[in-house]
Amino acid sequence: MEVTELLKNIQKHDSQPDFRSLYDMYYDRFFRIAFYYLQRDEWAQEVTLDVFTGIWNNRKHLSIPDDFNKYSYTLVRNAALNYLEKEQRREASPLASVPAPPSSTSSPEERMIDEELFSIYEKSLNDLPERCREIFIKVREEKQSYTSVAEELNISPKTVDAQLQKASARLKEKINNYFRGKQ
């Protein structure tokens, strides 16, 4: 199915299968664009997921572009640059210290590992307790503040922090186990 039709079905019918098809078609491309700017797998994955989340959350107001490749490149590039700026402020490092993007693309083996890693991340996220997963998604993927999540879920910000730490620790453990198995 052509990407324009997928986008129309997503927009008009809230079609999750069509969204999944779009995701499958464009995940690698989005990831590569994000990685080009960010030079870190975990950041690139987070940006890629943020872009897909944004597409889904804004599907009703999405104006369907004539050239989705050009549109999506701009979307991912801007998200990556915004993410990079946020991380640099957090680390208090100057913008000039960002390494230059590599001249070559990743190998098929690296892409396969990235796909495996994302699959492990997705499965690990789904294995978290429901409330823990919900808080993690709201804070890490939807970029909501601790305070807004706490208010929305009627819990304290300290509970949000504790649940986020629990989720992060479990996800990190699963990913570390993956890498230990690869050596």
Protein backbone atom coordinates (compact mmCIF):
# COMPACT_ATOMS: atom_id res chain seq x y z
CA MET A 1 0.00 0.00 0.00
CA GLU A 2 1.27 3.47 -0.84
CA VAL A 3 2.30 5.70 2.07
CA THR A 4 -0.34 8.32 1.18
CA GLU A 5 -3.09 5.72 1.53
CA LEU A 6 -1.65 4.52 4.83
CA LEU A 7 -1.63 8.08 6.16
CA LYS A 8 -5.21 8.68 5.00
CA ASN A 9 -6.40 5.48 6.71
CA ILE A 10 -4.51 6.37 9.88
CA GLN A 11 -6.04 9.83 9.85
CA LYS A 12 -9.62 8.97 8.92
CA HIS A 13 -10.07 5.57 10.55
CA ASP A 14 -7.51 5.53 13.40
CA SER A 15 -6.15 2.44 11.68
CA GLN A 16 -3.59 0.82 13.96
CA PRO A 17 -2.67 -1.88 11.39
CA ASP A 18 -1.90 0.84 8.84
CA PHE A 19 0.10 2.73 11.45
CA ARG A 20 2.05 -0.47 12.15
CA SER A 21 2.72 -0.80 8.40
CA LEU A 22 3.97 2.79 8.28
CA TYR A 23 6.13 2.08 11.32
CA ASP A 24 7.59 -1.06 9.73
CA MET A 25 8.26 0.76 6.47
CA TYR A 26 9.92 3.83 7.99
CA TYR A 27 11.50 2.82 11.31
CA ASP A 28 14.94 2.07 9.83
CA ARG A 29 14.96 5.28 7.80
CA PHE A 30 13.91 7.42 10.77
CA PHE A 31 16.49 5.73 12.98
CA ARG A 32 19.31 6.32 10.48
CA ILE A 33 18.40 9.99 10.12
CA ALA A 34 18.28 10.46 13.89
CA PHE A 35 21.53 8.55 14.38
CA TYR A 36 23.26 10.70 11.77
CA TYR A 37 22.62 13.77 13.92
CA LEU A 38 22.85 12.24 17.40
CA GLN A 39 25.58 9.59 17.10
CA ARG A 40 24.05 7.53 19.94
CA ASP A 41 21.83 4.51 19.44
CA GLU A 42 19.66 5.11 22.50
CA TRP A 43 19.07 8.75 21.61
CA ALA A 44 18.27 7.89 18.01
CA GLN A 45 15.81 5.22 19.14
CA GLU A 46 14.14 7.64 21.52
CA VAL A 47 13.79 10.30 18.81
CA THR A 48 12.47 7.74 16.33
CA LEU A 49 9.83 6.58 18.80
CA ASP A 50 8.98 10.19 19.63
CA VAL A 51 8.39 10.96 15.96
CA PHE A 52 6.11 7.95 15.51
CA THR A 53 4.29 8.81 18.73
CA GLY A 54 3.83 12.36 17.45
CA ILE A 55 2.47 11.13 14.13
CA TRP A 56 -0.03 8.90 15.91
CA ASN A 57 -1.04 11.50 18.51
CA ASN A 58 -1.52 14.19 15.84
CA ARG A 59 -3.03 11.93 13.18
CA LYS A 60 -6.34 13.82 13.08
CA HIS A 61 -4.60 17.12 12.32
CA LEU A 62 -1.89 15.74 10.06
CA SER A 63 -1.73 17.36 6.66
CA ILE A 64 -0.69 14.61 4.29
CA PRO A 65 2.41 15.72 2.38
CA ASP A 66 3.00 15.16 -1.33
CA ASP A 67 6.48 13.80 -0.62
CA PHE A 68 6.45 11.85 2.65
CA ASN A 69 10.18 11.07 2.41
CA LYS A 70 11.11 14.75 2.34
CA TYR A 71 8.53 15.57 5.02
CA SER A 72 9.66 12.75 7.30
CA TYR A 73 13.33 13.65 6.85
CA THR A 74 12.59 17.19 8.05
CA LEU A 75 10.43 15.88 10.89
CA VAL A 76 13.10 13.47 12.18
CA ARG A 77 15.96 15.91 11.64
CA ASN A 78 14.18 18.63 13.63
CA ALA A 79 13.28 16.18 16.40
CA ALA A 80 16.90 14.98 16.56
CA LEU A 81 18.29 18.51 16.68
CA ASN A 82 15.80 19.48 19.40
CA TYR A 83 16.73 16.38 21.37
CA LEU A 84 20.43 17.12 20.96
CA GLU A 85 19.94 20.67 22.18
CA LYS A 86 18.01 19.42 25.21
CA GLU A 87 20.68 16.86 26.06
CA GLN A 88 23.44 19.39 25.67
CA ARG A 89 21.70 21.78 28.04
CA ARG A 90 21.28 18.91 30.48
CA GLU A 91 24.95 17.98 30.27
CA ALA A 92 25.97 21.66 30.15
CA SER A 93 28.34 20.98 27.29
CA PRO A 94 28.84 23.49 24.47
CA LEU A 95 27.20 22.88 21.10
CA ALA A 96 30.63 22.97 19.40
CA SER A 97 31.65 19.71 21.09
CA VAL A 98 29.17 17.64 19.08
CA PRO A 99 31.03 15.09 16.96
CA ALA A 100 30.67 15.35 13.19
CA PRO A 101 28.26 12.90 11.56
CA PRO A 102 29.93 9.84 10.03
CA SER A 103 30.48 9.72 6.29
CA SER A 104 29.19 6.16 5.91
CA THR A 105 25.91 4.51 6.80
CA SER A 106 25.61 1.62 9.20
CA SER A 107 26.26 -1.91 8.01
CA PRO A 108 23.50 -4.50 7.60
CA GLU A 109 24.82 -6.22 10.74
CA GLU A 110 24.53 -3.00 12.75
CA ARG A 111 20.99 -2.47 11.46
CA MET A 112 20.08 -6.03 12.44
CA ILE A 113 21.48 -5.46 15.94
CA ASP A 114 19.57 -2.18 16.16
CA GLU A 115 16.36 -3.95 15.18
CA GLU A 116 17.02 -6.70 17.74
CA LEU A 117 17.78 -4.11 20.39
CA PHE A 118 14.61 -2.20 19.65
CA SER A 119 12.65 -5.45 19.76
CA ILE A 120 14.14 -6.20 23.19
CA TYR A 121 13.32 -2.66 24.32
CA GLU A 122 9.73 -3.01 23.09
CA LYS A 123 9.27 -6.44 24.72
CA SER A 124 10.88 -5.28 27.97
CA LEU A 125 8.64 -2.23 28.02
CA ASN A 126 5.58 -4.43 27.51
CA ASP A 127 6.76 -6.71 30.36
CA LEU A 128 6.76 -3.84 32.87
CA PRO A 129 3.83 -3.54 35.29
CA GLU A 130 1.07 -1.46 33.72
CA ARG A 131 1.44 1.66 35.90
CA CYS A 132 5.24 1.55 35.67
CA ARG A 133 5.07 1.27 31.85
CA GLU A 134 2.49 4.06 31.66
CA ILE A 135 4.68 6.43 33.69
CA PHE A 136 7.79 5.54 31.68
CA ILE A 137 6.02 6.22 28.37
CA LYS A 138 4.54 9.50 29.57
CA VAL A 139 7.87 10.84 30.87
CA ARG A 140 10.43 9.35 28.45
CA GLU A 141 8.49 9.07 25.21
CA GLU A 142 5.82 11.75 25.50
CA LYS A 143 8.22 14.12 27.32
CA GLN A 144 5.70 15.05 29.99
CA SER A 145 6.99 16.53 33.25
CA TYR A 146 6.94 14.56 36.48
CA THR A 147 4.44 17.06 37.88
CA SER A 148 1.98 16.75 35.00
CA VAL A 149 2.17 12.94 35.08
CA ALA A 150 1.67 12.97 38.86
CA GLU A 151 -1.38 15.22 38.53
CA GLU A 152 -2.84 13.20 35.65
CA LEU A 153 -2.44 9.89 37.50
CA ASN A 154 -3.29 11.35 40.92
CA ILE A 155 0.02 10.29 42.49
CA SER A 156 2.97 12.17 43.95
CA PRO A 157 5.95 13.29 41.86
CA LYS A 158 8.12 11.09 44.10
CA THR A 159 6.05 8.08 43.03
CA VAL A 160 6.57 9.09 39.41
CA ASP A 161 10.32 9.28 40.03
CA ALA A 162 10.39 5.92 41.82
CA GLN A 163 8.39 4.19 39.06
CA LEU A 164 10.58 5.77 36.38
CA GLN A 165 13.74 4.57 38.13
CA LYS A 166 12.25 1.08 38.45
CA ALA A 167 11.35 0.99 34.74
CA SER A 168 14.73 2.36 33.67
CA ALA A 169 16.59 -0.18 35.80
CA ARG A 170 14.59 -3.09 34.38
CA LEU A 171 15.02 -1.92 30.78
CA LYS A 172 18.74 -1.35 31.31
CA GLU A 173 19.10 -4.83 32.82
CA LYS A 174 17.36 -6.48 29.85
CA ILE A 175 19.48 -4.56 27.34
CA ASN A 176 22.68 -5.32 29.26
CA ASN A 177 21.74 -9.01 29.29
CA TYR A 178 21.34 -8.81 25.52
CA PHE A 179 24.86 -7.42 25.11
CA ARG A 180 26.36 -9.95 27.53
CA GLY A 181 24.87 -12.69 25.39
CA LYS A 182 26.43 -11.19 22.23
CA GLN A 183 30.00 -11.37 23.52
